[in-house]
């Protein structure tokens, strides 16, 4: 992709594409690990979204033109959304595209702002760790329970959601590490 095309993509989409997510200049093995995990799960979620688009289109065409909808489309779409949403959380955090309200904190000095970020990220990490743990426990409680029309095991989707939340928690750990590095830097206030 040419540099001009990258600029247009960044301007139109608000960020770089998932394959071009830029790593900071000084990256550690942990940072590379977190980026690669989240990029891999994001690719899976993009593929599922693409397949879900074809399924929905086929269902609409079948329903309105042939009076025969695809059985289980509503169910598959709901289950696919679990994959799309939970496996994309980490990449969204890495690109800083989650909603944040910072009209007060943006006026603070860098070290104070990053200290607050460490504090709030610690709370977020505790919540995400608890959520992931409970999703794994929820998956175990599902046992052999299946979906209504198609009989798809529900345990699989709870495990994928737990993995997505776990990878999101890893990005929070990475954010904590990066904020701590900014706090201890000597050259900024």
C-alpha atoms as a PDB file:
ATOM      1  CA  UNK A   1       0.000   0.000   0.000  1.00  0.00           C
ATOM      2  CA  UNK A   2       1.463   3.353  -0.982  1.00  0.00           C
ATOM      3  CA  UNK A   3       1.989   6.095   1.575  1.00  0.00           C
ATOM      4  CA  UNK A   4      -0.723   8.205  -0.046  1.00  0.00           C
ATOM      5  CA  UNK A   5      -3.203   5.310   0.165  1.00  0.00           C
ATOM      6  CA  UNK A   6      -2.278   4.811   3.831  1.00  0.00           C
ATOM      7  CA  UNK A   7      -2.926   8.493   4.529  1.00  0.00           C
ATOM      8  CA  UNK A   8      -6.330   8.307   2.819  1.00  0.00           C
ATOM      9  CA  UNK A   9      -7.199   5.125   4.736  1.00  0.00           C
ATOM     10  CA  UNK A  10      -6.147   6.684   8.027  1.00  0.00           C
ATOM     11  CA  UNK A  11      -8.122   9.856   7.286  1.00  0.00           C
ATOM     12  CA  UNK A  12     -11.272   7.973   6.233  1.00  0.00           C
ATOM     13  CA  UNK A  13     -11.220   5.207   8.831  1.00  0.00           C
ATOM     14  CA  UNK A  14      -9.700   7.165  11.682  1.00  0.00           C
ATOM     15  CA  UNK A  15      -6.830   4.706  12.113  1.00  0.00           C
ATOM     16  CA  UNK A  16      -4.566   2.330  10.311  1.00  0.00           C
ATOM     17  CA  UNK A  17      -5.854  -1.038   9.160  1.00  0.00           C
ATOM     18  CA  UNK A  18      -5.560  -4.078  11.434  1.00  0.00           C
ATOM     19  CA  UNK A  19      -2.475  -5.387   9.663  1.00  0.00           C
ATOM     20  CA  UNK A  20      -0.655  -2.069   9.873  1.00  0.00           C
ATOM     21  CA  UNK A  21      -1.132  -1.340  13.575  1.00  0.00           C
ATOM     22  CA  UNK A  22       2.064   0.442  14.413  1.00  0.00           C
ATOM     23  CA  UNK A  23       4.137  -0.693  17.322  1.00  0.00           C
ATOM     24  CA  UNK A  24       6.007   1.857  19.391  1.00  0.00           C
ATOM     25  CA  UNK A  25       9.673   2.231  18.480  1.00  0.00           C
ATOM     26  CA  UNK A  26      10.980   0.563  21.624  1.00  0.00           C
ATOM     27  CA  UNK A  27       8.954  -2.607  21.866  1.00  0.00           C
ATOM     28  CA  UNK A  28       9.391  -5.417  24.298  1.00  0.00           C
ATOM     29  CA  UNK A  29       8.620  -9.068  23.672  1.00  0.00           C
ATOM     30  CA  UNK A  30       5.478  -8.679  25.776  1.00  0.00           C
ATOM     31  CA  UNK A  31       4.266  -5.780  23.611  1.00  0.00           C
ATOM     32  CA  UNK A  32       4.877  -7.770  20.435  1.00  0.00           C
ATOM     33  CA  UNK A  33       3.101 -10.751  21.993  1.00  0.00           C
ATOM     34  CA  UNK A  34       0.030  -8.684  22.946  1.00  0.00           C
ATOM     35  CA  UNK A  35      -0.117  -7.020  19.528  1.00  0.00           C
ATOM     36  CA  UNK A  36       0.181 -10.323  17.671  1.00  0.00           C
ATOM     37  CA  UNK A  37      -2.460 -12.070  19.814  1.00  0.00           C
ATOM     38  CA  UNK A  38      -4.943  -9.269  19.411  1.00  0.00           C
ATOM     39  CA  UNK A  39      -4.286  -8.888  15.688  1.00  0.00           C
ATOM     40  CA  UNK A  40      -4.861 -12.637  15.214  1.00  0.00           C
ATOM     41  CA  UNK A  41      -8.151 -12.605  17.120  1.00  0.00           C
ATOM     42  CA  UNK A  42      -9.215  -9.465  15.259  1.00  0.00           C
ATOM     43  CA  UNK A  43      -8.618 -11.215  11.935  1.00  0.00           C
ATOM     44  CA  UNK A  44     -10.847 -14.060  13.114  1.00  0.00           C
ATOM     45  CA  UNK A  45     -13.565 -11.581  14.084  1.00  0.00           C
ATOM     46  CA  UNK A  46     -13.304  -9.859  10.680  1.00  0.00           C
ATOM     47  CA  UNK A  47     -13.682 -13.219   8.914  1.00  0.00           C
ATOM     48  CA  UNK A  48     -16.728 -14.090  11.026  1.00  0.00           C
ATOM     49  CA  UNK A  49     -18.264 -10.681  10.274  1.00  0.00           C
ATOM     50  CA  UNK A  50     -17.653 -11.235   6.558  1.00  0.00           C
ATOM     51  CA  UNK A  51     -19.318 -14.670   6.680  1.00  0.00           C
ATOM     52  CA  UNK A  52     -22.180 -13.252   8.741  1.00  0.00           C
ATOM     53  CA  UNK A  53     -22.751 -10.650   6.019  1.00  0.00           C
ATOM     54  CA  UNK A  54     -23.109 -13.387   3.375  1.00  0.00           C
ATOM     55  CA  UNK A  55     -25.393 -15.431   5.608  1.00  0.00           C
ATOM     56  CA  UNK A  56     -27.692 -12.463   6.234  1.00  0.00           C
ATOM     57  CA  UNK A  57     -27.707 -11.517   2.544  1.00  0.00           C
ATOM     58  CA  UNK A  58     -28.529 -15.097   1.563  1.00  0.00           C
ATOM     59  CA  UNK A  59     -31.289 -15.214   4.159  1.00  0.00           C
ATOM     60  CA  UNK A  60     -32.863 -11.984   2.881  1.00  0.00           C
ATOM     61  CA  UNK A  61     -32.667 -13.138  -0.745  1.00  0.00           C
ATOM     62  CA  UNK A  62     -34.084 -16.524   0.183  1.00  0.00           C
ATOM     63  CA  UNK A  63     -36.902 -15.031   2.223  1.00  0.00           C
ATOM     64  CA  UNK A  64     -38.072 -12.365  -0.228  1.00  0.00           C
ATOM     65  CA  UNK A  65     -37.412 -13.969  -3.600  1.00  0.00           C
ATOM     66  CA  UNK A  66     -37.823 -17.701  -2.966  1.00  0.00           C
ATOM     67  CA  UNK A  67     -40.012 -17.591   0.175  1.00  0.00           C
ATOM     68  CA  UNK A  68     -37.541 -19.911   1.882  1.00  0.00           C
ATOM     69  CA  UNK A  69     -35.266 -18.309   4.499  1.00  0.00           C
ATOM     70  CA  UNK A  70     -32.109 -20.008   5.722  1.00  0.00           C
ATOM     71  CA  UNK A  71     -32.917 -21.930   8.897  1.00  0.00           C
ATOM     72  CA  UNK A  72     -31.047 -20.700  11.973  1.00  0.00           C
ATOM     73  CA  UNK A  73     -29.828 -17.396  10.522  1.00  0.00           C
ATOM     74  CA  UNK A  74     -31.056 -15.377  13.480  1.00  0.00           C
ATOM     75  CA  UNK A  75     -29.389 -17.810  15.875  1.00  0.00           C
ATOM     76  CA  UNK A  76     -26.101 -17.906  13.955  1.00  0.00           C
ATOM     77  CA  UNK A  77     -26.023 -14.125  13.691  1.00  0.00           C
ATOM     78  CA  UNK A  78     -26.423 -13.751  17.453  1.00  0.00           C
ATOM     79  CA  UNK A  79     -23.709 -16.304  18.173  1.00  0.00           C
ATOM     80  CA  UNK A  80     -21.395 -14.783  15.560  1.00  0.00           C
ATOM     81  CA  UNK A  81     -21.780 -11.389  17.219  1.00  0.00           C
ATOM     82  CA  UNK A  82     -20.237 -12.889  20.371  1.00  0.00           C
ATOM     83  CA  UNK A  83     -17.145 -13.736  18.344  1.00  0.00           C
ATOM     84  CA  UNK A  84     -17.047 -10.402  16.511  1.00  0.00           C
ATOM     85  CA  UNK A  85     -17.405  -8.262  19.633  1.00  0.00           C
ATOM     86  CA  UNK A  86     -15.278 -10.127  22.154  1.00  0.00           C
ATOM     87  CA  UNK A  87     -12.394 -10.932  19.821  1.00  0.00           C
ATOM     88  CA  UNK A  88     -12.143  -7.283  18.713  1.00  0.00           C
ATOM     89  CA  UNK A  89     -11.963  -5.690  22.160  1.00  0.00           C
ATOM     90  CA  UNK A  90      -8.181  -5.936  22.450  1.00  0.00           C
ATOM     91  CA  UNK A  91      -7.397  -4.355  19.075  1.00  0.00           C
ATOM     92  CA  UNK A  92      -9.834  -1.542  19.801  1.00  0.00           C
ATOM     93  CA  UNK A  93      -7.965  -0.859  23.048  1.00  0.00           C
ATOM     94  CA  UNK A  94      -4.572  -1.015  21.329  1.00  0.00           C
ATOM     95  CA  UNK A  95      -5.725   1.606  18.828  1.00  0.00           C
ATOM     96  CA  UNK A  96      -7.212   3.736  21.643  1.00  0.00           C
ATOM     97  CA  UNK A  97     -10.607   3.695  19.939  1.00  0.00           C
ATOM     98  CA  UNK A  98     -12.755   2.912  22.979  1.00  0.00           C
ATOM     99  CA  UNK A  99     -14.872   5.808  24.146  1.00  0.00           C
ATOM    100  CA  UNK A 100     -13.057   7.943  26.702  1.00  0.00           C
ATOM    101  CA  UNK A 101     -13.987  11.237  28.270  1.00  0.00           C
ATOM    102  CA  UNK A 102     -10.844  13.211  28.943  1.00  0.00           C
ATOM    103  CA  UNK A 103     -11.828  16.873  28.777  1.00  0.00           C
ATOM    104  CA  UNK A 104     -10.491  17.376  32.318  1.00  0.00           C
ATOM    105  CA  UNK A 105      -7.537  14.983  32.360  1.00  0.00           C
ATOM    106  CA  UNK A 106      -6.143  16.224  29.034  1.00  0.00           C
ATOM    107  CA  UNK A 107      -5.305  19.517  30.754  1.00  0.00           C
ATOM    108  CA  UNK A 108      -3.252  17.814  33.479  1.00  0.00           C
ATOM    109  CA  UNK A 109       0.523  17.358  33.324  1.00  0.00           C
ATOM    110  CA  UNK A 110       1.659  14.159  31.626  1.00  0.00           C
ATOM    111  CA  UNK A 111       2.866  12.451  34.816  1.00  0.00           C
ATOM    112  CA  UNK A 112      -0.372  13.170  36.689  1.00  0.00           C
ATOM    113  CA  UNK A 113      -2.479  12.062  33.701  1.00  0.00           C
ATOM    114  CA  UNK A 114      -0.513   8.836  33.324  1.00  0.00           C
ATOM    115  CA  UNK A 115      -0.690   8.184  37.084  1.00  0.00           C
ATOM    116  CA  UNK A 116      -4.474   8.471  36.883  1.00  0.00           C
ATOM    117  CA  UNK A 117      -4.388   6.176  33.879  1.00  0.00           C
ATOM    118  CA  UNK A 118      -2.473   3.571  35.902  1.00  0.00           C
ATOM    119  CA  UNK A 119      -5.038   3.800  38.707  1.00  0.00           C
ATOM    120  CA  UNK A 120      -8.077   3.488  36.424  1.00  0.00           C
ATOM    121  CA  UNK A 121      -6.406   0.755  34.389  1.00  0.00           C
ATOM    122  CA  UNK A 122      -5.773  -1.259  37.566  1.00  0.00           C
ATOM    123  CA  UNK A 123      -9.499  -1.100  38.342  1.00  0.00           C
ATOM    124  CA  UNK A 124     -10.277  -2.094  34.753  1.00  0.00           C
ATOM    125  CA  UNK A 125      -7.806  -4.978  34.937  1.00  0.00           C
ATOM    126  CA  UNK A 126      -9.455  -6.307  38.096  1.00  0.00           C
ATOM    127  CA  UNK A 127     -12.887  -6.121  36.450  1.00  0.00           C
ATOM    128  CA  UNK A 128     -11.687  -7.810  33.255  1.00  0.00           C
ATOM    129  CA  UNK A 129      -9.886 -10.568  35.146  1.00  0.00           C
ATOM    130  CA  UNK A 130     -13.055 -11.254  37.131  1.00  0.00           C
ATOM    131  CA  UNK A 131     -15.167 -11.189  33.975  1.00  0.00           C
ATOM    132  CA  UNK A 132     -12.870 -13.599  32.149  1.00  0.00           C
ATOM    133  CA  UNK A 133     -12.759 -15.956  35.127  1.00  0.00           C
ATOM    134  CA  UNK A 134     -16.564 -15.915  35.418  1.00  0.00           C
ATOM    135  CA  UNK A 135     -16.987 -16.510  31.681  1.00  0.00           C
ATOM    136  CA  UNK A 136     -14.765 -19.600  31.925  1.00  0.00           C
ATOM    137  CA  UNK A 137     -16.832 -20.767  34.922  1.00  0.00           C
ATOM    138  CA  UNK A 138     -20.021 -20.026  32.973  1.00  0.00           C
ATOM    139  CA  UNK A 139     -18.728 -22.133  30.077  1.00  0.00           C
ATOM    140  CA  UNK A 140     -18.207 -25.063  32.446  1.00  0.00           C
ATOM    141  CA  UNK A 141     -21.755 -24.705  33.772  1.00  0.00           C
ATOM    142  CA  UNK A 142     -23.141 -24.871  30.237  1.00  0.00           C
ATOM    143  CA  UNK A 143     -22.125 -28.513  29.988  1.00  0.00           C
ATOM    144  CA  UNK A 144     -23.820 -30.018  26.936  1.00  0.00           C
ATOM    145  CA  UNK A 145     -26.389 -27.233  26.505  1.00  0.00           C
ATOM    146  CA  UNK A 146     -26.998 -26.391  22.858  1.00  0.00           C
ATOM    147  CA  UNK A 147     -28.671 -23.612  20.908  1.00  0.00           C
ATOM    148  CA  UNK A 148     -32.367 -23.838  20.041  1.00  0.00           C
ATOM    149  CA  UNK A 149     -32.686 -24.480  16.298  1.00  0.00           C
ATOM    150  CA  UNK A 150     -29.293 -25.734  15.191  1.00  0.00           C
ATOM    151  CA  UNK A 151     -28.045 -27.528  18.303  1.00  0.00           C
ATOM    152  CA  UNK A 152     -24.692 -25.691  18.431  1.00  0.00           C
ATOM    153  CA  UNK A 153     -22.842 -26.167  21.764  1.00  0.00           C
ATOM    154  CA  UNK A 154     -23.073 -22.906  23.739  1.00  0.00           C
ATOM    155  CA  UNK A 155     -19.944 -23.702  25.752  1.00  0.00           C
ATOM    156  CA  UNK A 156     -17.772 -22.883  22.724  1.00  0.00           C
ATOM    157  CA  UNK A 157     -19.020 -19.284  22.533  1.00  0.00           C
ATOM    158  CA  UNK A 158     -18.625 -18.655  26.256  1.00  0.00           C
ATOM    159  CA  UNK A 159     -15.011 -19.861  26.010  1.00  0.00           C
ATOM    160  CA  UNK A 160     -14.364 -17.564  23.028  1.00  0.00           C
ATOM    161  CA  UNK A 161     -15.845 -14.631  24.957  1.00  0.00           C
ATOM    162  CA  UNK A 162     -13.604 -15.452  27.935  1.00  0.00           C
ATOM    163  CA  UNK A 163     -10.546 -15.594  25.681  1.00  0.00           C
ATOM    164  CA  UNK A 164     -11.481 -12.247  24.115  1.00  0.00           C
ATOM    165  CA  UNK A 165     -11.824 -10.634  27.549  1.00  0.00           C
ATOM    166  CA  UNK A 166      -8.527 -12.203  28.649  1.00  0.00           C
ATOM    167  CA  UNK A 167      -6.713 -10.722  25.636  1.00  0.00           C
ATOM    168  CA  UNK A 168      -8.375  -7.384  26.351  1.00  0.00           C
ATOM    169  CA  UNK A 169      -7.017  -7.627  29.908  1.00  0.00           C
ATOM    170  CA  UNK A 170      -3.536  -8.190  28.461  1.00  0.00           C
ATOM    171  CA  UNK A 171      -3.851  -4.916  26.546  1.00  0.00           C
ATOM    172  CA  UNK A 172      -4.762  -3.190  29.810  1.00  0.00           C
ATOM    173  CA  UNK A 173      -1.613  -4.654  31.400  1.00  0.00           C
ATOM    174  CA  UNK A 174       0.328  -3.276  28.448  1.00  0.00           C
ATOM    175  CA  UNK A 175      -1.297   0.149  28.909  1.00  0.00           C
ATOM    176  CA  UNK A 176      -0.384   0.095  32.603  1.00  0.00           C
ATOM    177  CA  UNK A 177       3.227  -0.708  31.712  1.00  0.00           C
ATOM    178  CA  UNK A 178       3.375   2.069  29.118  1.00  0.00           C
ATOM    179  CA  UNK A 179       1.841   4.602  31.538  1.00  0.00           C
ATOM    180  CA  UNK A 180       4.300   3.644  34.276  1.00  0.00           C
ATOM    181  CA  UNK A 181       7.170   4.193  31.823  1.00  0.00           C
ATOM    182  CA  UNK A 182       5.816   7.668  31.051  1.00  0.00           C
ATOM    183  CA  UNK A 183       5.482   8.485  34.753  1.00  0.00           C
ATOM    184  CA  UNK A 184       9.092   7.561  35.550  1.00  0.00           C
ATOM    185  CA  UNK A 185      10.592   9.375  32.552  1.00  0.00           C
ATOM    186  CA  UNK A 186      12.859  12.184  33.711  1.00  0.00           C
ATOM    187  CA  UNK A 187      12.442  14.693  30.891  1.00  0.00           C
ATOM    188  CA  UNK A 188       8.689  15.521  31.106  1.00  0.00           C
ATOM    189  CA  UNK A 189       6.551  16.945  33.900  1.00  0.00           C
END
